[in-house]
């Protein structure tokens, strides 16, 4: 099989192996754990696994920061809390 073969996706669009490799390479550049590793040294499966791990860690961080912000707003006076809420909504 050619490396340029196309794969059928859930829609009617096709995506080639070269496009998948390019997307995995771009994804790898976003991951702090494997950002500086050469593309040919890291498998696509490893990049996808690290992506899932990274997204999970970002979700935990967002949850933690949200909880900390809620605690901060609960302990500040009403005027300060209103100011903070207004800044966050902008």
N, C-alpha and C. Protein backbone atom coordinates (compact mmCIF):
# COMPACT_ATOMS: atom_id res chain seq x y z
N UNK A 1 0.84 -1.19 0.00
CA UNK A 1 0.00 0.00 0.00
C UNK A 1 0.88 1.25 0.00
N UNK A 2 0.39 2.24 -0.63
CA UNK A 2 1.11 3.50 -0.72
C UNK A 2 0.95 4.32 0.55
N UNK A 3 1.99 5.12 0.85
CA UNK A 3 1.88 6.00 2.01
C UNK A 3 0.94 7.16 1.72
N UNK A 4 0.52 7.28 0.50
CA UNK A 4 -0.40 8.35 0.12
C UNK A 4 -1.84 7.88 0.04
N UNK A 5 -2.11 6.65 0.48
CA UNK A 5 -3.48 6.16 0.43
C UNK A 5 -4.37 7.02 1.32
N UNK A 6 -5.61 7.04 1.03
CA UNK A 6 -6.56 7.85 1.79
C UNK A 6 -7.35 6.96 2.72
N UNK A 7 -7.78 7.53 3.82
CA UNK A 7 -8.63 6.84 4.78
C UNK A 7 -9.98 7.51 4.78
N UNK A 8 -10.99 6.70 4.87
CA UNK A 8 -12.36 7.23 4.94
C UNK A 8 -12.64 7.65 6.38
N UNK A 9 -13.10 8.86 6.59
CA UNK A 9 -13.46 9.33 7.92
C UNK A 9 -14.97 9.28 8.07
N UNK A 10 -15.48 9.76 9.18
CA UNK A 10 -16.91 9.66 9.47
C UNK A 10 -17.77 10.46 8.48
N UNK A 11 -17.18 11.40 7.80
CA UNK A 11 -17.91 12.15 6.78
C UNK A 11 -17.54 11.62 5.41
N UNK A 12 -17.68 12.45 4.42
CA UNK A 12 -17.32 12.03 3.08
C UNK A 12 -15.91 12.49 2.72
N UNK A 13 -15.20 13.13 3.65
CA UNK A 13 -13.85 13.61 3.37
C UNK A 13 -12.82 12.51 3.57
N UNK A 14 -11.73 12.62 2.86
CA UNK A 14 -10.64 11.66 2.97
C UNK A 14 -9.42 12.35 3.57
N UNK A 15 -8.63 11.56 4.29
CA UNK A 15 -7.40 12.11 4.86
C UNK A 15 -6.28 11.12 4.55
N UNK A 16 -5.19 11.63 4.03
CA UNK A 16 -4.08 10.77 3.62
C UNK A 16 -3.15 10.48 4.79
N UNK A 17 -2.34 9.45 4.63
CA UNK A 17 -1.34 9.13 5.66
C UNK A 17 -0.38 10.30 5.88
N UNK A 18 -0.04 11.00 4.79
CA UNK A 18 0.84 12.16 4.92
C UNK A 18 0.20 13.26 5.76
N UNK A 19 -1.10 13.46 5.58
CA UNK A 19 -1.80 14.46 6.38
C UNK A 19 -1.84 14.04 7.85
N UNK A 20 -2.05 12.75 8.10
CA UNK A 20 -2.05 12.25 9.47
C UNK A 20 -0.69 12.47 10.10
N UNK A 21 0.38 12.15 9.38
CA UNK A 21 1.73 12.35 9.90
C UNK A 21 1.98 13.81 10.21
N UNK A 22 1.51 14.69 9.33
CA UNK A 22 1.68 16.13 9.56
C UNK A 22 0.92 16.59 10.79
N UNK A 23 -0.31 16.11 10.95
CA UNK A 23 -1.12 16.48 12.12
C UNK A 23 -0.50 15.95 13.42
N UNK A 24 0.01 14.72 13.40
CA UNK A 24 0.65 14.15 14.59
C UNK A 24 1.91 14.95 14.92
N UNK A 25 2.65 15.35 13.91
CA UNK A 25 3.85 16.16 14.13
C UNK A 25 3.49 17.51 14.76
N UNK A 26 2.43 18.14 14.27
CA UNK A 26 1.99 19.42 14.83
C UNK A 26 1.51 19.23 16.27
N UNK A 27 0.80 18.14 16.49
CA UNK A 27 0.33 17.84 17.84
C UNK A 27 1.49 17.64 18.80
N UNK A 28 2.52 16.96 18.33
CA UNK A 28 3.71 16.71 19.15
C UNK A 28 4.35 18.02 19.59
N UNK A 29 4.32 19.02 18.73
CA UNK A 29 4.93 20.31 19.06
C UNK A 29 4.19 21.04 20.18
N UNK A 30 2.96 20.63 20.45
CA UNK A 30 2.17 21.25 21.51
C UNK A 30 2.36 20.59 22.87
N UNK A 31 3.00 19.43 22.88
CA UNK A 31 3.12 18.65 24.11
C UNK A 31 4.46 18.92 24.80
N UNK A 32 4.42 19.43 26.02
CA UNK A 32 5.67 19.75 26.72
C UNK A 32 6.56 18.52 26.95
N UNK A 33 5.97 17.36 27.16
CA UNK A 33 6.75 16.16 27.47
C UNK A 33 7.60 15.68 26.30
N UNK A 34 7.11 15.87 25.08
CA UNK A 34 7.83 15.33 23.92
C UNK A 34 8.04 16.36 22.81
N UNK A 35 7.93 17.62 23.16
CA UNK A 35 8.03 18.69 22.17
C UNK A 35 9.35 18.68 21.40
N UNK A 36 10.45 18.43 22.09
CA UNK A 36 11.77 18.56 21.46
C UNK A 36 12.34 17.23 20.98
N UNK A 37 11.51 16.19 20.97
CA UNK A 37 11.94 14.90 20.48
C UNK A 37 11.74 14.86 18.98
N UNK A 38 12.67 14.25 18.28
CA UNK A 38 12.53 14.15 16.83
C UNK A 38 11.30 13.32 16.48
N UNK A 39 10.60 13.74 15.43
CA UNK A 39 9.36 13.08 15.03
C UNK A 39 9.56 11.61 14.73
N UNK A 40 10.66 11.24 14.09
CA UNK A 40 10.85 9.84 13.72
C UNK A 40 11.24 8.97 14.92
N UNK A 41 11.46 9.57 16.07
CA UNK A 41 11.81 8.82 17.28
C UNK A 41 10.60 8.53 18.16
N UNK A 42 9.47 9.18 17.89
CA UNK A 42 8.27 9.02 18.71
C UNK A 42 7.15 8.48 17.84
N UNK A 43 6.51 7.41 18.29
CA UNK A 43 5.42 6.84 17.51
C UNK A 43 4.17 7.71 17.60
N UNK A 44 3.32 7.56 16.62
CA UNK A 44 2.04 8.28 16.63
C UNK A 44 1.22 7.89 17.85
N UNK A 45 1.27 6.61 18.20
CA UNK A 45 0.53 6.14 19.37
C UNK A 45 1.02 6.84 20.63
N UNK A 46 2.33 7.03 20.77
CA UNK A 46 2.90 7.71 21.93
C UNK A 46 2.44 9.17 21.96
N UNK A 47 2.43 9.82 20.80
CA UNK A 47 1.98 11.22 20.73
C UNK A 47 0.52 11.31 21.15
N UNK A 48 -0.31 10.40 20.68
CA UNK A 48 -1.73 10.42 21.04
C UNK A 48 -1.93 10.12 22.52
N UNK A 49 -1.16 9.18 23.04
CA UNK A 49 -1.25 8.85 24.47
C UNK A 49 -0.84 10.05 25.32
N UNK A 50 0.25 10.69 24.96
CA UNK A 50 0.71 11.87 25.71
C UNK A 50 -0.27 13.03 25.57
N UNK A 51 -0.93 13.14 24.42
CA UNK A 51 -1.94 14.18 24.24
C UNK A 51 -3.10 13.97 25.21
N UNK A 52 -3.56 12.73 25.32
CA UNK A 52 -4.64 12.42 26.26
C UNK A 52 -4.22 12.74 27.70
N UNK A 53 -3.00 12.35 28.06
CA UNK A 53 -2.49 12.63 29.41
C UNK A 53 -2.42 14.13 29.66
N UNK A 54 -1.95 14.87 28.67
CA UNK A 54 -1.80 16.32 28.81
C UNK A 54 -3.16 16.99 28.95
N UNK A 55 -4.14 16.56 28.16
CA UNK A 55 -5.48 17.14 28.26
C UNK A 55 -6.08 16.85 29.63
N UNK A 56 -5.88 15.63 30.13
CA UNK A 56 -6.37 15.29 31.48
C UNK A 56 -5.73 16.20 32.53
N UNK A 57 -4.42 16.43 32.40
CA UNK A 57 -3.74 17.28 33.39
C UNK A 57 -4.24 18.73 33.30
N UNK A 58 -4.52 19.19 32.08
CA UNK A 58 -5.07 20.54 31.93
C UNK A 58 -6.46 20.65 32.55
N UNK A 59 -7.27 19.61 32.38
CA UNK A 59 -8.59 19.61 33.02
C UNK A 59 -8.46 19.67 34.54
N UNK A 60 -7.53 18.90 35.10
CA UNK A 60 -7.33 18.93 36.56
C UNK A 60 -6.87 20.31 37.00
N UNK A 61 -5.99 20.93 36.22
CA UNK A 61 -5.50 22.27 36.57
C UNK A 61 -6.63 23.29 36.52
N UNK A 62 -7.47 23.22 35.51
CA UNK A 62 -8.61 24.14 35.40
C UNK A 62 -9.55 23.94 36.58
N UNK A 63 -9.83 22.68 36.93
CA UNK A 63 -10.70 22.40 38.07
C UNK A 63 -10.11 22.98 39.36
N UNK A 64 -8.81 22.79 39.54
CA UNK A 64 -8.14 23.30 40.74
C UNK A 64 -8.19 24.83 40.79
N UNK A 65 -7.91 25.47 39.67
CA UNK A 65 -7.93 26.93 39.63
C UNK A 65 -9.35 27.47 39.84
N UNK A 66 -10.34 26.77 39.29
CA UNK A 66 -11.73 27.19 39.48
C UNK A 66 -12.12 27.10 40.95
N UNK A 67 -11.70 26.02 41.59
CA UNK A 67 -12.00 25.87 43.01
C UNK A 67 -11.31 26.95 43.84
N UNK A 68 -10.06 27.23 43.52
CA UNK A 68 -9.33 28.28 44.24
C UNK A 68 -9.97 29.64 44.03
N UNK A 69 -10.43 29.92 42.81
CA UNK A 69 -11.09 31.19 42.54
C UNK A 69 -12.40 31.29 43.30
N UNK A 70 -13.15 30.19 43.35
CA UNK A 70 -14.41 30.19 44.11
C UNK A 70 -14.15 30.48 45.58
N UNK A 71 -13.11 29.86 46.13
CA UNK A 71 -12.76 30.10 47.53
C UNK A 71 -12.35 31.55 47.75
N UNK A 72 -11.59 32.09 46.81
CA UNK A 72 -11.16 33.49 46.91
C UNK A 72 -12.36 34.43 46.86
N UNK A 73 -13.28 34.18 45.95
CA UNK A 73 -14.46 35.03 45.85
C UNK A 73 -15.33 34.92 47.09
N UNK A 74 -15.36 33.75 47.71
CA UNK A 74 -16.17 33.56 48.91
C UNK A 74 -15.59 34.29 50.11
N UNK A 75 -14.29 34.52 50.11
CA UNK A 75 -13.65 35.15 51.27
C UNK A 75 -13.42 36.65 51.10
N UNK A 76 -13.69 37.18 49.91
CA UNK A 76 -13.50 38.62 49.71
C UNK A 76 -14.82 39.34 49.94
N UNK A 77 -14.74 40.64 50.15
CA UNK A 77 -15.98 41.39 50.36
C UNK A 77 -16.75 41.50 49.04
N UNK A 78 -17.98 41.89 49.14
CA UNK A 78 -18.90 41.90 48.00
C UNK A 78 -18.40 42.79 46.86
N UNK A 79 -17.88 43.96 47.17
CA UNK A 79 -17.41 44.89 46.13
C UNK A 79 -16.21 44.30 45.38
N UNK A 80 -15.26 43.72 46.12
CA UNK A 80 -14.11 43.10 45.46
C UNK A 80 -14.52 41.90 44.62
N UNK A 81 -15.41 41.09 45.15
CA UNK A 81 -15.89 39.92 44.42
C UNK A 81 -16.60 40.34 43.13
N UNK A 82 -17.39 41.39 43.21
CA UNK A 82 -18.09 41.90 42.02
C UNK A 82 -17.09 42.41 40.98
N UNK A 83 -16.06 43.09 41.43
CA UNK A 83 -15.03 43.58 40.53
C UNK A 83 -14.31 42.42 39.84
N UNK A 84 -13.97 41.41 40.59
CA UNK A 84 -13.29 40.24 40.03
C UNK A 84 -14.20 39.54 39.01
N UNK A 85 -15.46 39.36 39.35
CA UNK A 85 -16.40 38.72 38.42
C UNK A 85 -16.52 39.53 37.14
N UNK A 86 -16.60 40.86 37.24
CA UNK A 86 -16.68 41.71 36.05
C UNK A 86 -15.43 41.58 35.19
N UNK A 87 -14.28 41.51 35.81
CA UNK A 87 -13.04 41.35 35.04
C UNK A 87 -13.01 40.00 34.33
N UNK A 88 -13.50 38.97 34.97
CA UNK A 88 -13.49 37.63 34.37
C UNK A 88 -14.47 37.52 33.21
N UNK A 89 -15.55 38.30 33.25
CA UNK A 89 -16.57 38.22 32.20
C UNK A 89 -16.21 39.04 30.97
N UNK A 90 -15.19 39.85 31.04
CA UNK A 90 -14.81 40.70 29.90
C UNK A 90 -14.11 39.89 28.84
